[in-house]
PDB file of all heavy atoms in Angstrom:
ATOM      1  N   TYR A   1       0.829  -1.203   0.000  1.00  0.00           N
ATOM      2  CA  TYR A   1       0.000   0.000   0.000  1.00  0.00           C
ATOM      3  C   TYR A   1       0.869   1.262   0.000  1.00  0.00           C
ATOM      4  O   TYR A   1       0.559   2.251  -0.683  1.00  0.00           O
ATOM      5  CB  TYR A   1      -0.910   0.012   1.228  1.00  0.00           C
ATOM      6  CG  TYR A   1      -1.951  -1.082   1.244  1.00  0.00           C
ATOM      7  CD1 TYR A   1      -2.408  -1.629   2.450  1.00  0.00           C
ATOM      8  CD2 TYR A   1      -2.484  -1.599   0.058  1.00  0.00           C
ATOM      9  CE1 TYR A   1      -3.363  -2.634   2.466  1.00  0.00           C
ATOM     10  CE2 TYR A   1      -3.428  -2.603   0.067  1.00  0.00           C
ATOM     11  CZ  TYR A   1      -3.866  -3.126   1.280  1.00  0.00           C
ATOM     12  OH  TYR A   1      -4.808  -4.120   1.297  1.00  0.00           O
ATOM     13  N   SER A   2       1.948   1.237   0.752  1.00  0.00           N
ATOM     14  CA  SER A   2       2.844   2.403   0.813  1.00  0.00           C
ATOM     15  C   SER A   2       3.515   2.648  -0.538  1.00  0.00           C
ATOM     16  O   SER A   2       3.649   3.795  -0.985  1.00  0.00           O
ATOM     17  CB  SER A   2       3.906   2.194   1.893  1.00  0.00           C
ATOM     18  OG  SER A   2       3.314   2.080   3.173  1.00  0.00           O
ATOM     19  N   ASP A   3       3.957   1.579  -1.203  1.00  0.00           N
ATOM     20  CA  ASP A   3       4.573   1.718  -2.523  1.00  0.00           C
ATOM     21  C   ASP A   3       3.582   2.289  -3.533  1.00  0.00           C
ATOM     22  O   ASP A   3       3.934   3.136  -4.366  1.00  0.00           O
ATOM     23  CB  ASP A   3       5.090   0.362  -3.017  1.00  0.00           C
ATOM     24  CG  ASP A   3       6.305  -0.118  -2.228  1.00  0.00           C
ATOM     25  OD1 ASP A   3       6.950   0.725  -1.563  1.00  0.00           O
ATOM     26  OD2 ASP A   3       6.598  -1.326  -2.274  1.00  0.00           O
ATOM     27  N   ASP A   4       2.322   1.824  -3.441  1.00  0.00           N
ATOM     28  CA  ASP A   4       1.289   2.342  -4.340  1.00  0.00           C
ATOM     29  C   ASP A   4       1.066   3.840  -4.106  1.00  0.00           C
ATOM     30  O   ASP A   4       0.872   4.605  -5.052  1.00  0.00           O
ATOM     31  CB  ASP A   4      -0.029   1.589  -4.134  1.00  0.00           C
ATOM     32  CG  ASP A   4       0.032   0.169  -4.667  1.00  0.00           C
ATOM     33  OD1 ASP A   4       0.961  -0.132  -5.444  1.00  0.00           O
ATOM     34  OD2 ASP A   4      -0.831  -0.644  -4.284  1.00  0.00           O
ATOM     35  N   LYS A   5       1.099   4.233  -2.845  1.00  0.00           N
ATOM     36  CA  LYS A   5       0.893   5.650  -2.520  1.00  0.00           C
ATOM     37  C   LYS A   5       2.035   6.501  -3.061  1.00  0.00           C
ATOM     38  O   LYS A   5       1.813   7.593  -3.604  1.00  0.00           O
ATOM     39  CB  LYS A   5       0.785   5.821  -1.004  1.00  0.00           C
ATOM     40  CG  LYS A   5       0.524   7.262  -0.590  1.00  0.00           C
ATOM     41  CD  LYS A   5       0.450   7.395   0.922  1.00  0.00           C
ATOM     42  CE  LYS A   5       0.295   8.853   1.322  1.00  0.00           C
ATOM     43  NZ  LYS A   5       0.296   9.031   2.774  1.00  0.00           N
ATOM     44  N   VAL A   6       3.275   6.016  -2.929  1.00  0.00           N
ATOM     45  CA  VAL A   6       4.431   6.757  -3.447  1.00  0.00           C
ATOM     46  C   VAL A   6       4.339   6.898  -4.965  1.00  0.00           C
ATOM     47  O   VAL A   6       4.576   7.970  -5.530  1.00  0.00           O
ATOM     48  CB  VAL A   6       5.744   6.054  -3.052  1.00  0.00           C
ATOM     49  CG1 VAL A   6       6.926   6.663  -3.790  1.00  0.00           C
ATOM     50  CG2 VAL A   6       5.967   6.140  -1.548  1.00  0.00           C
ATOM     51  N   GLN A   7       3.974   5.797  -5.638  1.00  0.00           N
ATOM     52  CA  GLN A   7       3.848   5.831  -7.095  1.00  0.00           C
ATOM     53  C   GLN A   7       2.760   6.804  -7.524  1.00  0.00           C
ATOM     54  O   GLN A   7       2.917   7.568  -8.499  1.00  0.00           O
ATOM     55  CB  GLN A   7       3.527   4.424  -7.608  1.00  0.00           C
ATOM     56  CG  GLN A   7       3.497   4.306  -9.125  1.00  0.00           C
ATOM     57  CD  GLN A   7       4.845   4.577  -9.757  1.00  0.00           C
ATOM     58  OE1 GLN A   7       5.870   4.322  -9.145  1.00  0.00           O
ATOM     59  NE2 GLN A   7       4.863   5.082 -10.973  1.00  0.00           N
ATOM     60  N   LEU A   8       1.657   6.814  -6.790  1.00  0.00           N
ATOM     61  CA  LEU A   8       0.558   7.719  -7.106  1.00  0.00           C
ATOM     62  C   LEU A   8       0.973   9.179  -6.896  1.00  0.00           C
ATOM     63  O   LEU A   8       0.621  10.060  -7.682  1.00  0.00           O
ATOM     64  CB  LEU A   8      -0.647   7.383  -6.232  1.00  0.00           C
ATOM     65  CG  LEU A   8      -1.938   8.163  -6.496  1.00  0.00           C
ATOM     66  CD1 LEU A   8      -2.400   7.961  -7.932  1.00  0.00           C
ATOM     67  CD2 LEU A   8      -3.020   7.719  -5.529  1.00  0.00           C
ATOM     68  N   ALA A   9       1.737   9.426  -5.842  1.00  0.00           N
ATOM     69  CA  ALA A   9       2.221  10.786  -5.584  1.00  0.00           C
ATOM     70  C   ALA A   9       3.150  11.250  -6.703  1.00  0.00           C
ATOM     71  O   ALA A   9       3.092  12.404  -7.137  1.00  0.00           O
ATOM     72  CB  ALA A   9       2.950  10.838  -4.243  1.00  0.00           C
ATOM     73  N   MET A  10       4.016  10.362  -7.192  1.00  0.00           N
ATOM     74  CA  MET A  10       4.923  10.709  -8.291  1.00  0.00           C
ATOM     75  C   MET A  10       4.137  11.009  -9.560  1.00  0.00           C
ATOM     76  O   MET A  10       4.449  11.954 -10.290  1.00  0.00           O
ATOM     77  CB  MET A  10       5.918   9.568  -8.522  1.00  0.00           C
ATOM     78  CG  MET A  10       6.905   9.370  -7.385  1.00  0.00           C
ATOM     79  SD  MET A  10       7.965   7.919  -7.617  1.00  0.00           S
ATOM     80  CE  MET A  10       8.837   8.374  -9.111  1.00  0.00           C
ATOM     81  N   GLN A  11       3.113  10.208  -9.845  1.00  0.00           N
ATOM     82  CA  GLN A  11       2.291  10.442 -11.027  1.00  0.00           C
ATOM     83  C   GLN A  11       1.568  11.787 -10.929  1.00  0.00           C
ATOM     84  O   GLN A  11       1.444  12.511 -11.925  1.00  0.00           O
ATOM     85  CB  GLN A  11       1.274   9.312 -11.182  1.00  0.00           C
ATOM     86  CG  GLN A  11       1.887   7.967 -11.558  1.00  0.00           C
ATOM     87  CD  GLN A  11       0.865   6.855 -11.576  1.00  0.00           C
ATOM     88  OE1 GLN A  11      -0.318   7.058 -11.295  1.00  0.00           O
ATOM     89  NE2 GLN A  11       1.306   5.649 -11.887  1.00  0.00           N
ATOM     90  N   THR A  12       1.089  12.117  -9.716  1.00  0.00           N
ATOM     91  CA  THR A  12       0.406  13.393  -9.516  1.00  0.00           C
ATOM     92  C   THR A  12       1.364  14.555  -9.749  1.00  0.00           C
ATOM     93  O   THR A  12       1.019  15.559 -10.383  1.00  0.00           O
ATOM     94  CB  THR A  12      -0.171  13.466  -8.094  1.00  0.00           C
ATOM     95  OG1 THR A  12      -1.033  12.341  -7.874  1.00  0.00           O
ATOM     96  CG2 THR A  12      -0.958  14.749  -7.888  1.00  0.00           C
ATOM     97  N   TYR A  13       2.582  14.432  -9.235  1.00  0.00           N
ATOM     98  CA  TYR A  13       3.588  15.483  -9.441  1.00  0.00           C
ATOM     99  C   TYR A  13       3.888  15.674 -10.927  1.00  0.00           C
ATOM    100  O   TYR A  13       3.943  16.805 -11.421  1.00  0.00           O
ATOM    101  CB  TYR A  13       4.868  15.116  -8.692  1.00  0.00           C
ATOM    102  CG  TYR A  13       6.021  16.046  -8.983  1.00  0.00           C
ATOM    103  CD1 TYR A  13       6.184  17.230  -8.269  1.00  0.00           C
ATOM    104  CD2 TYR A  13       6.948  15.757  -9.983  1.00  0.00           C
ATOM    105  CE1 TYR A  13       7.233  18.092  -8.539  1.00  0.00           C
ATOM    106  CE2 TYR A  13       7.995  16.614 -10.257  1.00  0.00           C
ATOM    107  CZ  TYR A  13       8.131  17.770  -9.536  1.00  0.00           C
ATOM    108  OH  TYR A  13       9.166  18.618  -9.824  1.00  0.00           O
ATOM    109  N   GLU A  14       4.077  14.560 -11.636  1.00  0.00           N
ATOM    110  CA  GLU A  14       4.379  14.648 -13.068  1.00  0.00           C
ATOM    111  C   GLU A  14       3.221  15.287 -13.831  1.00  0.00           C
ATOM    112  O   GLU A  14       3.432  16.056 -14.775  1.00  0.00           O
ATOM    113  CB  GLU A  14       4.663  13.240 -13.626  1.00  0.00           C
ATOM    114  CG  GLU A  14       5.943  12.606 -13.123  1.00  0.00           C
ATOM    115  CD  GLU A  14       7.181  13.318 -13.638  1.00  0.00           C
ATOM    116  OE1 GLU A  14       7.078  14.025 -14.656  1.00  0.00           O
ATOM    117  OE2 GLU A  14       8.246  13.160 -13.027  1.00  0.00           O
ATOM    118  N   MET A  15       2.000  14.975 -13.425  1.00  0.00           N
ATOM    119  CA  MET A  15       0.827  15.528 -14.096  1.00  0.00           C
ATOM    120  C   MET A  15       0.774  17.050 -13.938  1.00  0.00           C
ATOM    121  O   MET A  15       0.565  17.781 -14.916  1.00  0.00           O
ATOM    122  CB  MET A  15      -0.435  14.890 -13.520  1.00  0.00           C
ATOM    123  CG  MET A  15      -1.739  15.422 -14.086  1.00  0.00           C
ATOM    124  SD  MET A  15      -3.168  14.522 -13.470  1.00  0.00           S
ATOM    125  CE  MET A  15      -3.049  14.854 -11.711  1.00  0.00           C
ATOM    126  N   VAL A  16       0.977  17.531 -12.712  1.00  0.00           N
ATOM    127  CA  VAL A  16       0.965  18.975 -12.470  1.00  0.00           C
ATOM    128  C   VAL A  16       2.144  19.645 -13.166  1.00  0.00           C
ATOM    129  O   VAL A  16       2.011  20.712 -13.775  1.00  0.00           O
ATOM    130  CB  VAL A  16       0.999  19.254 -10.953  1.00  0.00           C
ATOM    131  CG1 VAL A  16       1.130  20.751 -10.690  1.00  0.00           C
ATOM    132  CG2 VAL A  16      -0.251  18.712 -10.286  1.00  0.00           C
ATOM    133  N   ASP A  17       3.320  19.006 -13.088  1.00  0.00           N
ATOM    134  CA  ASP A  17       4.521  19.580 -13.689  1.00  0.00           C
ATOM    135  C   ASP A  17       4.371  19.702 -15.210  1.00  0.00           C
ATOM    136  O   ASP A  17       4.842  20.666 -15.810  1.00  0.00           O
ATOM    137  CB  ASP A  17       5.721  18.697 -13.345  1.00  0.00           C
ATOM    138  CG  ASP A  17       7.037  19.327 -13.755  1.00  0.00           C
ATOM    139  OD1 ASP A  17       7.344  20.431 -13.277  1.00  0.00           O
ATOM    140  OD2 ASP A  17       7.762  18.712 -14.560  1.00  0.00           O
ATOM    141  N   LYS A  18       3.706  18.738 -15.818  1.00  0.00           N
ATOM    142  CA  LYS A  18       3.481  18.779 -17.270  1.00  0.00           C
ATOM    143  C   LYS A  18       2.646  19.998 -17.651  1.00  0.00           C
ATOM    144  O   LYS A  18       2.948  20.702 -18.616  1.00  0.00           O
ATOM    145  CB  LYS A  18       2.774  17.495 -17.719  1.00  0.00           C
ATOM    146  CG  LYS A  18       2.505  17.436 -19.207  1.00  0.00           C
ATOM    147  CD  LYS A  18       1.837  16.118 -19.568  1.00  0.00           C
ATOM    148  CE  LYS A  18       1.542  16.047 -21.062  1.00  0.00           C
ATOM    149  NZ  LYS A  18       0.879  14.766 -21.430  1.00  0.00           N
ATOM    150  N   HIS A  19       1.602  20.281 -16.865  1.00  0.00           N
ATOM    151  CA  HIS A  19       0.763  21.454 -17.143  1.00  0.00           C
ATOM    152  C   HIS A  19       1.559  22.747 -16.938  1.00  0.00           C
ATOM    153  O   HIS A  19       1.384  23.709 -17.681  1.00  0.00           O
ATOM    154  CB  HIS A  19      -0.457  21.445 -16.229  1.00  0.00           C
ATOM    155  CG  HIS A  19      -1.524  20.477 -16.657  1.00  0.00           C
ATOM    156  ND1 HIS A  19      -2.259  20.638 -17.809  1.00  0.00           N
ATOM    157  CD2 HIS A  19      -1.969  19.334 -16.101  1.00  0.00           C
ATOM    158  CE1 HIS A  19      -3.116  19.658 -17.948  1.00  0.00           C
ATOM    159  NE2 HIS A  19      -2.957  18.837 -16.916  1.00  0.00           N
ATOM    160  N   ILE A  20       2.422  22.772 -15.933  1.00  0.00           N
ATOM    161  CA  ILE A  20       3.231  23.964 -15.685  1.00  0.00           C
ATOM    162  C   ILE A  20       4.145  24.247 -16.878  1.00  0.00           C
ATOM    163  O   ILE A  20       4.266  25.391 -17.330  1.00  0.00           O
ATOM    164  CB  ILE A  20       4.066  23.794 -14.398  1.00  0.00           C
ATOM    165  CG1 ILE A  20       3.151  23.822 -13.168  1.00  0.00           C
ATOM    166  CG2 ILE A  20       5.118  24.902 -14.277  1.00  0.00           C
ATOM    167  CD1 ILE A  20       3.859  23.513 -11.871  1.00  0.00           C
ATOM    168  N   ARG A  21       4.795  23.204 -17.382  1.00  0.00           N
ATOM    169  CA  ARG A  21       5.698  23.392 -18.533  1.00  0.00           C
ATOM    170  C   ARG A  21       4.940  23.868 -19.762  1.00  0.00           C
ATOM    171  O   ARG A  21       5.412  24.731 -20.506  1.00  0.00           O
ATOM    172  CB  ARG A  21       6.447  22.088 -18.830  1.00  0.00           C
ATOM    173  CG  ARG A  21       7.435  21.676 -17.745  1.00  0.00           C
ATOM    174  CD  ARG A  21       8.420  20.640 -18.272  1.00  0.00           C
ATOM    175  NE  ARG A  21       7.754  19.455 -18.776  1.00  0.00           N
ATOM    176  CZ  ARG A  21       7.500  18.367 -18.053  1.00  0.00           C
ATOM    177  NH1 ARG A  21       7.823  18.343 -16.772  1.00  0.00           N
ATOM    178  NH2 ARG A  21       6.917  17.320 -18.583  1.00  0.00           N
ATOM    179  N   ARG A  22       3.745  23.319 -19.982  1.00  0.00           N
ATOM    180  CA  ARG A  22       2.973  23.724 -21.155  1.00  0.00           C
ATOM    181  C   ARG A  22       2.485  25.170 -21.010  1.00  0.00           C
ATOM    182  O   ARG A  22       2.454  25.929 -21.994  1.00  0.00           O
ATOM    183  CB  ARG A  22       1.782  22.778 -21.327  1.00  0.00           C
ATOM    184  CG  ARG A  22       2.198  21.350 -21.653  1.00  0.00           C
ATOM    185  CD  ARG A  22       1.044  20.396 -21.582  1.00  0.00           C
ATOM    186  NE  ARG A  22       0.314  20.315 -22.829  1.00  0.00           N
ATOM    187  CZ  ARG A  22      -0.762  19.535 -23.000  1.00  0.00           C
ATOM    188  NH1 ARG A  22      -1.191  18.809 -22.004  1.00  0.00           N
ATOM    189  NH2 ARG A  22      -1.375  19.502 -24.153  1.00  0.00           N
ATOM    190  N   LEU A  23       2.114  25.542 -19.793  1.00  0.00           N
ATOM    191  CA  LEU A  23       1.704  26.927 -19.566  1.00  0.00           C
ATOM    192  C   LEU A  23       2.872  27.888 -19.781  1.00  0.00           C
ATOM    193  O   LEU A  23       2.696  28.979 -20.343  1.00  0.00           O
ATOM    194  CB  LEU A  23       1.149  27.080 -18.147  1.00  0.00           C
ATOM    195  CG  LEU A  23      -0.275  26.568 -17.916  1.00  0.00           C
ATOM    196  CD1 LEU A  23      -0.596  26.588 -16.429  1.00  0.00           C
ATOM    197  CD2 LEU A  23      -1.279  27.404 -18.694  1.00  0.00           C
ATOM    198  N   ASP A  24       4.059  27.501 -19.327  1.00  0.00           N
ATOM    199  CA  ASP A  24       5.240  28.341 -19.550  1.00  0.00           C
ATOM    200  C   ASP A  24       5.491  28.546 -21.042  1.00  0.00           C
ATOM    201  O   ASP A  24       5.794  29.650 -21.498  1.00  0.00           O
ATOM    202  CB  ASP A  24       6.474  27.688 -18.909  1.00  0.00           C
ATOM    203  CG  ASP A  24       6.539  27.946 -17.412  1.00  0.00           C
ATOM    204  OD1 ASP A  24       5.859  28.871 -16.953  1.00  0.00           O
ATOM    205  OD2 ASP A  24       7.260  27.216 -16.724  1.00  0.00           O
ATOM    206  N   ALA A  25       5.377  27.454 -21.801  1.00  0.00           N
ATOM    207  CA  ALA A  25       5.614  27.549 -23.246  1.00  0.00           C
ATOM    208  C   ALA A  25       4.560  28.427 -23.921  1.00  0.00           C
ATOM    209  O   ALA A  25       4.885  29.268 -24.769  1.00  0.00           O
ATOM    210  CB  ALA A  25       5.613  26.148 -23.867  1.00  0.00           C
TER     211      ALA A  25
END
């Protein structure tokens, strides 16, 4: 369960970061 939570947190970070980069561009 802890590993799943870490993976989900990483996916959430990447999702937000992707939008930030596209907004910057």
